[in-house]
Full PDB file with SEQRES, HELIX, SHEET, SSBOND, CRYST1, ORIGX, SCALE, CONECT and MASTER records, all heavy atoms in Angstrom:
SEQRES   1 A   31  LEU ARG ASP ARG PHE GLY ARG ARG ARG ARG PRO LEU SER          
SEQRES   2 A   31  ALA SER SER ILE ARG LYS LEU ILE ASP VAL LEU ALA ALA          
SEQRES   3 A   31  VAL LEU ASP ASP ALA                                          
HELIX    1 AA1 ALA A   14  ASP A   30  1                                  17    
CRYST1    1.000    1.000    1.000  90.00  90.00  90.00 P 1           1          
ORIGX1      1.000000  0.000000  0.000000        0.00000                         
ORIGX2      0.000000  1.000000  0.000000        0.00000                         
ORIGX3      0.000000  0.000000  1.000000        0.00000                         
SCALE1      1.000000  0.000000  0.000000        0.00000                         
SCALE2      0.000000  1.000000  0.000000        0.00000                         
SCALE3      0.000000  0.000000  1.000000        0.00000                         
ATOM      1  N   LEU A   1     -35.671 -14.822   9.039  1.00  0.00           N  
ATOM      2  CA  LEU A   1     -36.990 -14.212   9.162  1.00  0.00           C  
ATOM      3  C   LEU A   1     -36.845 -12.732   9.471  1.00  0.00           C  
ATOM      4  O   LEU A   1     -36.092 -12.347  10.372  1.00  0.00           O  
ATOM      5  CB  LEU A   1     -37.790 -14.912  10.269  1.00  0.00           C  
ATOM      6  CG  LEU A   1     -37.951 -16.430  10.123  1.00  0.00           C  
ATOM      7  CD1 LEU A   1     -38.705 -16.991  11.313  1.00  0.00           C  
ATOM      8  CD2 LEU A   1     -38.655 -16.769   8.829  1.00  0.00           C  
ATOM      9  N   ARG A   2     -37.603 -11.913   8.726  1.00  0.00           N  
ATOM     10  CA  ARG A   2     -37.542 -10.464   8.917  1.00  0.00           C  
ATOM     11  C   ARG A   2     -38.951  -9.891   8.925  1.00  0.00           C  
ATOM     12  O   ARG A   2     -39.879 -10.455   8.331  1.00  0.00           O  
ATOM     13  CB  ARG A   2     -36.707  -9.800   7.819  1.00  0.00           C  
ATOM     14  CG  ARG A   2     -35.250 -10.262   7.834  1.00  0.00           C  
ATOM     15  CD  ARG A   2     -34.399  -9.551   6.807  1.00  0.00           C  
ATOM     16  NE  ARG A   2     -33.019 -10.015   6.861  1.00  0.00           N  
ATOM     17  CZ  ARG A   2     -32.082  -9.485   7.635  1.00  0.00           C  
ATOM     18  NH1 ARG A   2     -32.393  -8.469   8.427  1.00  0.00           N  
ATOM     19  NH2 ARG A   2     -30.850  -9.969   7.635  1.00  0.00           N  
ATOM     20  N   ASP A   3     -39.094  -8.733   9.587  1.00  0.00           N  
ATOM     21  CA  ASP A   3     -40.395  -8.084   9.642  1.00  0.00           C  
ATOM     22  C   ASP A   3     -40.587  -7.187   8.419  1.00  0.00           C  
ATOM     23  O   ASP A   3     -39.762  -7.166   7.504  1.00  0.00           O  
ATOM     24  CB  ASP A   3     -40.537  -7.294  10.941  1.00  0.00           C  
ATOM     25  CG  ASP A   3     -39.453  -6.231  11.083  1.00  0.00           C  
ATOM     26  OD1 ASP A   3     -38.741  -5.947  10.098  1.00  0.00           O  
ATOM     27  OD2 ASP A   3     -39.310  -5.675  12.194  1.00  0.00           O  
ATOM     28  N   ARG A   4     -41.659  -6.399   8.418  1.00  0.00           N  
ATOM     29  CA  ARG A   4     -41.963  -5.590   7.234  1.00  0.00           C  
ATOM     30  C   ARG A   4     -40.995  -4.431   7.062  1.00  0.00           C  
ATOM     31  O   ARG A   4     -40.967  -3.810   5.994  1.00  0.00           O  
ATOM     32  CB  ARG A   4     -43.396  -5.067   7.325  1.00  0.00           C  
ATOM     33  CG  ARG A   4     -43.691  -4.207   8.539  1.00  0.00           C  
ATOM     34  CD  ARG A   4     -45.189  -3.963   8.659  1.00  0.00           C  
ATOM     35  NE  ARG A   4     -45.510  -3.109   9.795  1.00  0.00           N  
ATOM     36  CZ  ARG A   4     -45.626  -1.780   9.726  1.00  0.00           C  
ATOM     37  NH1 ARG A   4     -45.448  -1.172   8.562  1.00  0.00           N  
ATOM     38  NH2 ARG A   4     -45.921  -1.070  10.799  1.00  0.00           N  
ATOM     39  N   PHE A   5     -40.209  -4.136   8.094  1.00  0.00           N  
ATOM     40  CA  PHE A   5     -39.197  -3.087   7.983  1.00  0.00           C  
ATOM     41  C   PHE A   5     -37.820  -3.640   7.610  1.00  0.00           C  
ATOM     42  O   PHE A   5     -36.843  -2.896   7.549  1.00  0.00           O  
ATOM     43  CB  PHE A   5     -39.090  -2.312   9.300  1.00  0.00           C  
ATOM     44  CG  PHE A   5     -40.361  -1.612   9.689  1.00  0.00           C  
ATOM     45  CD1 PHE A   5     -41.144  -2.107  10.702  1.00  0.00           C  
ATOM     46  CD2 PHE A   5     -40.777  -0.461   9.028  1.00  0.00           C  
ATOM     47  CE1 PHE A   5     -42.318  -1.480  11.075  1.00  0.00           C  
ATOM     48  CE2 PHE A   5     -41.946   0.174   9.382  1.00  0.00           C  
ATOM     49  CZ  PHE A   5     -42.725  -0.336  10.412  1.00  0.00           C  
ATOM     50  N   GLY A   6     -37.738  -4.962   7.418  1.00  0.00           N  
ATOM     51  CA  GLY A   6     -36.470  -5.575   7.061  1.00  0.00           C  
ATOM     52  C   GLY A   6     -35.598  -5.945   8.245  1.00  0.00           C  
ATOM     53  O   GLY A   6     -34.465  -6.395   8.053  1.00  0.00           O  
ATOM     54  N   ARG A   7     -36.116  -5.778   9.440  1.00  0.00           N  
ATOM     55  CA  ARG A   7     -35.338  -6.108  10.624  1.00  0.00           C  
ATOM     56  C   ARG A   7     -35.480  -7.596  10.942  1.00  0.00           C  
ATOM     57  O   ARG A   7     -36.546  -8.185  10.754  1.00  0.00           O  
ATOM     58  CB  ARG A   7     -35.805  -5.283  11.825  1.00  0.00           C  
ATOM     59  CG  ARG A   7     -35.594  -3.784  11.645  1.00  0.00           C  
ATOM     60  CD  ARG A   7     -36.211  -3.004  12.775  1.00  0.00           C  
ATOM     61  NE  ARG A   7     -37.664  -3.212  12.847  1.00  0.00           N  
ATOM     62  CZ  ARG A   7     -38.489  -2.491  13.605  1.00  0.00           C  
ATOM     63  NH1 ARG A   7     -37.999  -1.525  14.364  1.00  0.00           N  
ATOM     64  NH2 ARG A   7     -39.786  -2.737  13.615  1.00  0.00           N  
ATOM     65  N   ARG A   8     -34.397  -8.178  11.435  1.00  0.00           N  
ATOM     66  CA  ARG A   8     -34.404  -9.594  11.759  1.00  0.00           C  
ATOM     67  C   ARG A   8     -35.338  -9.860  12.937  1.00  0.00           C  
ATOM     68  O   ARG A   8     -35.298  -9.173  13.957  1.00  0.00           O  
ATOM     69  CB  ARG A   8     -32.990 -10.050  12.103  1.00  0.00           C  
ATOM     70  CG  ARG A   8     -32.840 -11.575  12.163  1.00  0.00           C  
ATOM     71  CD  ARG A   8     -31.423 -11.937  12.571  1.00  0.00           C  
ATOM     72  NE  ARG A   8     -30.442 -11.360  11.684  1.00  0.00           N  
ATOM     73  CZ  ARG A   8     -30.069 -11.907  10.529  1.00  0.00           C  
ATOM     74  NH1 ARG A   8     -30.610 -13.047  10.127  1.00  0.00           N  
ATOM     75  NH2 ARG A   8     -29.160 -11.318   9.771  1.00  0.00           N  
ATOM     76  N   ARG A   9     -36.188 -10.852  12.789  1.00  0.00           N  
ATOM     77  CA  ARG A   9     -37.135 -11.195  13.840  1.00  0.00           C  
ATOM     78  C   ARG A   9     -36.448 -12.040  14.900  1.00  0.00           C  
ATOM     79  O   ARG A   9     -35.673 -12.947  14.601  1.00  0.00           O  
ATOM     80  CB  ARG A   9     -38.328 -11.954  13.253  1.00  0.00           C  
ATOM     81  CG  ARG A   9     -39.188 -11.145  12.304  1.00  0.00           C  
ATOM     82  CD  ARG A   9     -40.429 -11.912  11.920  1.00  0.00           C  
ATOM     83  NE  ARG A   9     -41.286 -12.171  13.083  1.00  0.00           N  
ATOM     84  CZ  ARG A   9     -42.370 -12.927  13.039  1.00  0.00           C  
ATOM     85  NH1 ARG A   9     -42.735 -13.502  11.896  1.00  0.00           N  
ATOM     86  NH2 ARG A   9     -43.094 -13.131  14.128  1.00  0.00           N  
ATOM     87  N   ARG A  10     -36.771 -11.751  16.148  1.00  0.00           N  
ATOM     88  CA  ARG A  10     -36.192 -12.469  17.284  1.00  0.00           C  
ATOM     89  C   ARG A  10     -37.321 -12.958  18.174  1.00  0.00           C  
ATOM     90  O   ARG A  10     -38.277 -12.222  18.432  1.00  0.00           O  
ATOM     91  CB  ARG A  10     -35.254 -11.581  18.079  1.00  0.00           C  
ATOM     92  CG  ARG A  10     -34.072 -11.101  17.253  1.00  0.00           C  
ATOM     93  CD  ARG A  10     -33.229 -10.130  18.041  1.00  0.00           C  
ATOM     94  NE  ARG A  10     -32.149  -9.617  17.212  1.00  0.00           N  
ATOM     95  CZ  ARG A  10     -30.876  -9.692  17.510  1.00  0.00           C  
ATOM     96  NH1 ARG A  10     -30.516 -10.296  18.622  1.00  0.00           N  
ATOM     97  NH2 ARG A  10     -29.947  -9.202  16.720  1.00  0.00           N  
ATOM     98  N   PRO A  11     -37.223 -14.172  18.667  1.00  0.00           N  
ATOM     99  CA  PRO A  11     -38.293 -14.673  19.549  1.00  0.00           C  
ATOM    100  C   PRO A  11     -38.269 -13.969  20.898  1.00  0.00           C  
ATOM    101  O   PRO A  11     -37.214 -13.603  21.421  1.00  0.00           O  
ATOM    102  CB  PRO A  11     -37.955 -16.165  19.685  1.00  0.00           C  
ATOM    103  CG  PRO A  11     -36.483 -16.249  19.432  1.00  0.00           C  
ATOM    104  CD  PRO A  11     -36.165 -15.172  18.432  1.00  0.00           C  
ATOM    105  N   LEU A  12     -39.471 -13.776  21.452  1.00  0.00           N  
ATOM    106  CA  LEU A  12     -39.573 -13.170  22.775  1.00  0.00           C  
ATOM    107  C   LEU A  12     -39.126 -14.165  23.838  1.00  0.00           C  
ATOM    108  O   LEU A  12     -39.427 -15.356  23.759  1.00  0.00           O  
ATOM    109  CB  LEU A  12     -41.014 -12.742  23.046  1.00  0.00           C  
ATOM    110  CG  LEU A  12     -41.558 -11.569  22.226  1.00  0.00           C  
ATOM    111  CD1 LEU A  12     -43.014 -11.331  22.579  1.00  0.00           C  
ATOM    112  CD2 LEU A  12     -40.745 -10.310  22.441  1.00  0.00           C  
ATOM    113  N   SER A  13     -38.423 -13.678  24.815  1.00  0.00           N  
ATOM    114  CA  SER A  13     -38.028 -14.522  25.934  1.00  0.00           C  
ATOM    115  C   SER A  13     -39.190 -14.662  26.914  1.00  0.00           C  
ATOM    116  O   SER A  13     -40.200 -13.944  26.826  1.00  0.00           O  
ATOM    117  CB  SER A  13     -36.817 -13.927  26.648  1.00  0.00           C  
ATOM    118  OG  SER A  13     -37.153 -12.675  27.224  1.00  0.00           O  
ATOM    119  N   ALA A  14     -39.046 -15.588  27.839  1.00  0.00           N  
ATOM    120  CA  ALA A  14     -40.081 -15.770  28.854  1.00  0.00           C  
ATOM    121  C   ALA A  14     -40.257 -14.515  29.695  1.00  0.00           C  
ATOM    122  O   ALA A  14     -41.376 -14.167  30.096  1.00  0.00           O  
ATOM    123  CB  ALA A  14     -39.739 -16.966  29.741  1.00  0.00           C  
ATOM    124  N   SER A  15     -39.152 -13.812  29.943  1.00  0.00           N  
ATOM    125  CA  SER A  15     -39.243 -12.573  30.714  1.00  0.00           C  
ATOM    126  C   SER A  15     -40.036 -11.511  29.961  1.00  0.00           C  
ATOM    127  O   SER A  15     -40.849 -10.785  30.551  1.00  0.00           O  
ATOM    128  CB  SER A  15     -37.832 -12.063  31.032  1.00  0.00           C  
ATOM    129  OG  SER A  15     -37.878 -10.827  31.700  1.00  0.00           O  
ATOM    130  N   SER A  16     -39.845 -11.402  28.645  1.00  0.00           N  
ATOM    131  CA  SER A  16     -40.588 -10.413  27.855  1.00  0.00           C  
ATOM    132  C   SER A  16     -42.067 -10.754  27.801  1.00  0.00           C  
ATOM    133  O   SER A  16     -42.928  -9.858  27.875  1.00  0.00           O  
ATOM    134  CB  SER A  16     -40.006 -10.345  26.440  1.00  0.00           C  
ATOM    135  OG  SER A  16     -38.661  -9.930  26.463  1.00  0.00           O  
ATOM    136  N   ILE A  17     -42.386 -12.031  27.678  1.00  0.00           N  
ATOM    137  CA  ILE A  17     -43.798 -12.433  27.663  1.00  0.00           C  
ATOM    138  C   ILE A  17     -44.443 -12.134  29.014  1.00  0.00           C  
ATOM    139  O   ILE A  17     -45.602 -11.691  29.081  1.00  0.00           O  
ATOM    140  CB  ILE A  17     -43.907 -13.922  27.308  1.00  0.00           C  
ATOM    141  CG1 ILE A  17     -43.399 -14.158  25.876  1.00  0.00           C  
ATOM    142  CG2 ILE A  17     -45.346 -14.408  27.437  1.00  0.00           C  
ATOM    143  CD1 ILE A  17     -43.381 -15.609  25.465  1.00  0.00           C  
ATOM    144  N   ARG A  18     -43.723 -12.361  30.084  1.00  0.00           N  
ATOM    145  CA  ARG A  18     -44.263 -12.031  31.404  1.00  0.00           C  
ATOM    146  C   ARG A  18     -44.529 -10.532  31.523  1.00  0.00           C  
ATOM    147  O   ARG A  18     -45.516 -10.103  32.137  1.00  0.00           O  
ATOM    148  CB  ARG A  18     -43.316 -12.500  32.502  1.00  0.00           C  
ATOM    149  CG  ARG A  18     -43.889 -12.315  33.905  1.00  0.00           C  
ATOM    150  CD  ARG A  18     -42.978 -12.879  34.961  1.00  0.00           C  
ATOM    151  NE  ARG A  18     -41.736 -12.134  35.062  1.00  0.00           N  
ATOM    152  CZ  ARG A  18     -40.780 -12.399  35.958  1.00  0.00           C  
ATOM    153  NH1 ARG A  18     -40.952 -13.391  36.807  1.00  0.00           N  
ATOM    154  NH2 ARG A  18     -39.670 -11.692  35.989  1.00  0.00           N  
ATOM    155  N   LYS A  19     -43.640  -9.708  30.960  1.00  0.00           N  
ATOM    156  CA  LYS A  19     -43.861  -8.261  31.007  1.00  0.00           C  
ATOM    157  C   LYS A  19     -45.100  -7.865  30.206  1.00  0.00           C  
ATOM    158  O   LYS A  19     -45.840  -6.941  30.602  1.00  0.00           O  
ATOM    159  CB  LYS A  19     -42.622  -7.542  30.477  1.00  0.00           C  
ATOM    160  CG  LYS A  19     -41.407  -7.665  31.394  1.00  0.00           C  
ATOM    161  CD  LYS A  19     -40.186  -7.020  30.773  1.00  0.00           C  
ATOM    162  CE  LYS A  19     -38.962  -7.204  31.677  1.00  0.00           C  
ATOM    163  NZ  LYS A  19     -37.727  -6.629  31.061  1.00  0.00           N  
ATOM    164  N   LEU A  20     -45.333  -8.532  29.067  1.00  0.00           N  
ATOM    165  CA  LEU A  20     -46.552  -8.261  28.301  1.00  0.00           C  
ATOM    166  C   LEU A  20     -47.794  -8.563  29.135  1.00  0.00           C  
ATOM    167  O   LEU A  20     -48.757  -7.784  29.151  1.00  0.00           O  
ATOM    168  CB  LEU A  20     -46.553  -9.106  27.025  1.00  0.00           C  
ATOM    169  CG  LEU A  20     -45.670  -8.643  25.857  1.00  0.00           C  
ATOM    170  CD1 LEU A  20     -45.748  -9.643  24.718  1.00  0.00           C  
ATOM    171  CD2 LEU A  20     -46.088  -7.267  25.380  1.00  0.00           C  
ATOM    172  N   ILE A  21     -47.777  -9.687  29.822  1.00  0.00           N  
ATOM    173  CA  ILE A  21     -48.929 -10.061  30.655  1.00  0.00           C  
ATOM    174  C   ILE A  21     -49.093  -9.089  31.813  1.00  0.00           C  
ATOM    175  O   ILE A  21     -50.217  -8.757  32.212  1.00  0.00           O  
ATOM    176  CB  ILE A  21     -48.760 -11.509  31.144  1.00  0.00           C  
ATOM    177  CG1 ILE A  21     -48.788 -12.474  29.954  1.00  0.00           C  
ATOM    178  CG2 ILE A  21     -49.847 -11.879  32.144  1.00  0.00           C  
ATOM    179  CD1 ILE A  21     -48.544 -13.925  30.313  1.00  0.00           C  
ATOM    180  N   ASP A  22     -47.974  -8.595  32.354  1.00  0.00           N  
ATOM    181  CA  ASP A  22     -48.063  -7.596  33.431  1.00  0.00           C  
ATOM    182  C   ASP A  22     -48.724  -6.307  32.927  1.00  0.00           C  
ATOM    183  O   ASP A  22     -49.521  -5.681  33.644  1.00  0.00           O  
ATOM    184  CB  ASP A  22     -46.666  -7.288  33.976  1.00  0.00           C  
ATOM    185  CG  ASP A  22     -46.102  -8.445  34.776  1.00  0.00           C  
ATOM    186  OD1 ASP A  22     -46.883  -9.324  35.193  1.00  0.00           O  
ATOM    187  OD2 ASP A  22     -44.858  -8.477  34.971  1.00  0.00           O  
ATOM    188  N   VAL A  23     -48.396  -5.906  31.708  1.00  0.00           N  
ATOM    189  CA  VAL A  23     -49.030  -4.702  31.138  1.00  0.00           C  
ATOM    190  C   VAL A  23     -50.527  -4.939  30.940  1.00  0.00           C  
ATOM    191  O   VAL A  23     -51.368  -4.083  31.259  1.00  0.00           O  
ATOM    192  CB  VAL A  23     -48.351  -4.318  29.808  1.00  0.00           C  
ATOM    193  CG1 VAL A  23     -49.122  -3.185  29.121  1.00  0.00           C  
ATOM    194  CG2 VAL A  23     -46.912  -3.885  30.059  1.00  0.00           C  
ATOM    195  N   LEU A  24     -50.878  -6.116  30.403  1.00  0.00           N  
ATOM    196  CA  LEU A  24     -52.287  -6.448  30.228  1.00  0.00           C  
ATOM    197  C   LEU A  24     -53.014  -6.440  31.571  1.00  0.00           C  
ATOM    198  O   LEU A  24     -54.141  -5.925  31.682  1.00  0.00           O  
ATOM    199  CB  LEU A  24     -52.409  -7.814  29.562  1.00  0.00           C  
ATOM    200  CG  LEU A  24     -53.818  -8.380  29.403  1.00  0.00           C  
ATOM    201  CD1 LEU A  24     -54.671  -7.475  28.532  1.00  0.00           C  
ATOM    202  CD2 LEU A  24     -53.764  -9.788  28.832  1.00  0.00           C  
ATOM    203  N   ALA A  25     -52.399  -6.993  32.604  1.00  0.00           N  
ATOM    204  CA  ALA A  25     -53.025  -7.009  33.924  1.00  0.00           C  
ATOM    205  C   ALA A  25     -53.196  -5.604  34.477  1.00  0.00           C  
ATOM    206  O   ALA A  25     -54.207  -5.292  35.134  1.00  0.00           O  
ATOM    207  CB  ALA A  25     -52.194  -7.858  34.878  1.00  0.00           C  
ATOM    208  N   ALA A  26     -52.224  -4.720  34.214  1.00  0.00           N  
ATOM    209  CA  ALA A  26     -52.344  -3.340  34.694  1.00  0.00           C  
ATOM    210  C   ALA A  26     -53.500  -2.618  33.997  1.00  0.00           C  
ATOM    211  O   ALA A  26     -54.228  -1.829  34.625  1.00  0.00           O  
ATOM    212  CB  ALA A  26     -51.026  -2.600  34.453  1.00  0.00           C  
ATOM    213  N   VAL A  27     -53.687  -2.877  32.700  1.00  0.00           N  
ATOM    214  CA  VAL A  27     -54.801  -2.266  31.976  1.00  0.00           C  
ATOM    215  C   VAL A  27     -56.139  -2.746  32.545  1.00  0.00           C  
ATOM    216  O   VAL A  27     -57.069  -1.951  32.780  1.00  0.00           O  
ATOM    217  CB  VAL A  27     -54.694  -2.590  30.471  1.00  0.00           C  
ATOM    218  CG1 VAL A  27     -55.945  -2.130  29.732  1.00  0.00           C  
ATOM    219  CG2 VAL A  27     -53.465  -1.939  29.870  1.00  0.00           C  
ATOM    220  N   LEU A  28     -56.225  -4.047  32.780  1.00  0.00           N  
ATOM    221  CA  LEU A  28     -57.479  -4.588  33.289  1.00  0.00           C  
ATOM    222  C   LEU A  28     -57.719  -4.212  34.750  1.00  0.00           C  
ATOM    223  O   LEU A  28     -58.866  -4.244  35.212  1.00  0.00           O  
ATOM    224  CB  LEU A  28     -57.487  -6.106  33.114  1.00  0.00           C  
ATOM    225  CG  LEU A  28     -57.459  -6.586  31.654  1.00  0.00           C  
ATOM    226  CD1 LEU A  28     -57.530  -8.104  31.583  1.00  0.00           C  
ATOM    227  CD2 LEU A  28     -58.589  -5.967  30.856  1.00  0.00           C  
ATOM    228  N   ASP A  29     -56.656  -3.874  35.492  1.00  0.00           N  
ATOM    229  CA  ASP A  29     -56.853  -3.341  36.845  1.00  0.00           C  
ATOM    230  C   ASP A  29     -57.650  -2.038  36.799  1.00  0.00           C  
ATOM    231  O   ASP A  29     -58.545  -1.793  37.624  1.00  0.00           O  
ATOM    232  CB  ASP A  29     -55.507  -3.107  37.528  1.00  0.00           C  
ATOM    233  CG  ASP A  29     -54.916  -4.394  38.095  1.00  0.00           C  
ATOM    234  OD1 ASP A  29     -55.692  -5.346  38.325  1.00  0.00           O  
ATOM    235  OD2 ASP A  29     -53.684  -4.440  38.299  1.00  0.00           O  
ATOM    236  N   ASP A  30     -57.325  -1.197  35.830  1.00  0.00           N  
ATOM    237  CA  ASP A  30     -58.090   0.044  35.661  1.00  0.00           C  
ATOM    238  C   ASP A  30     -59.525  -0.247  35.246  1.00  0.00           C  
ATOM    239  O   ASP A  30     -60.465   0.466  35.635  1.00  0.00           O  
ATOM    240  CB  ASP A  30     -57.418   0.942  34.615  1.00  0.00           C  
ATOM    241  CG  ASP A  30     -56.095   1.504  35.110  1.00  0.00           C  
ATOM    242  OD1 ASP A  30     -55.883   1.494  36.332  1.00  0.00           O  
ATOM    243  OD2 ASP A  30     -55.272   1.948  34.278  1.00  0.00           O  
ATOM    244  N   ALA A  31     -59.709  -1.290  34.430  1.00  0.00           N  
ATOM    245  CA  ALA A  31     -61.068  -1.651  34.021  1.00  0.00           C  
ATOM    246  C   ALA A  31     -61.893  -2.119  35.224  1.00  0.00           C  
ATOM    247  O   ALA A  31     -63.094  -1.818  35.320  1.00  0.00           O  
ATOM    248  CB  ALA A  31     -61.010  -2.750  32.951  1.00  0.00           C  
TER     249      ALA A  31                                                      
MASTER        0    0    0    1    0    0    0    6  248    1    0    3          
END                                                                             
């Protein structure tokens, strides 16, 4: 599996998903 740039796609780890949620929470803190 590759993305539109031809790079191999890799699944996100649980740690990366947690970081995404932390960023979302920081944005909504400002809201």
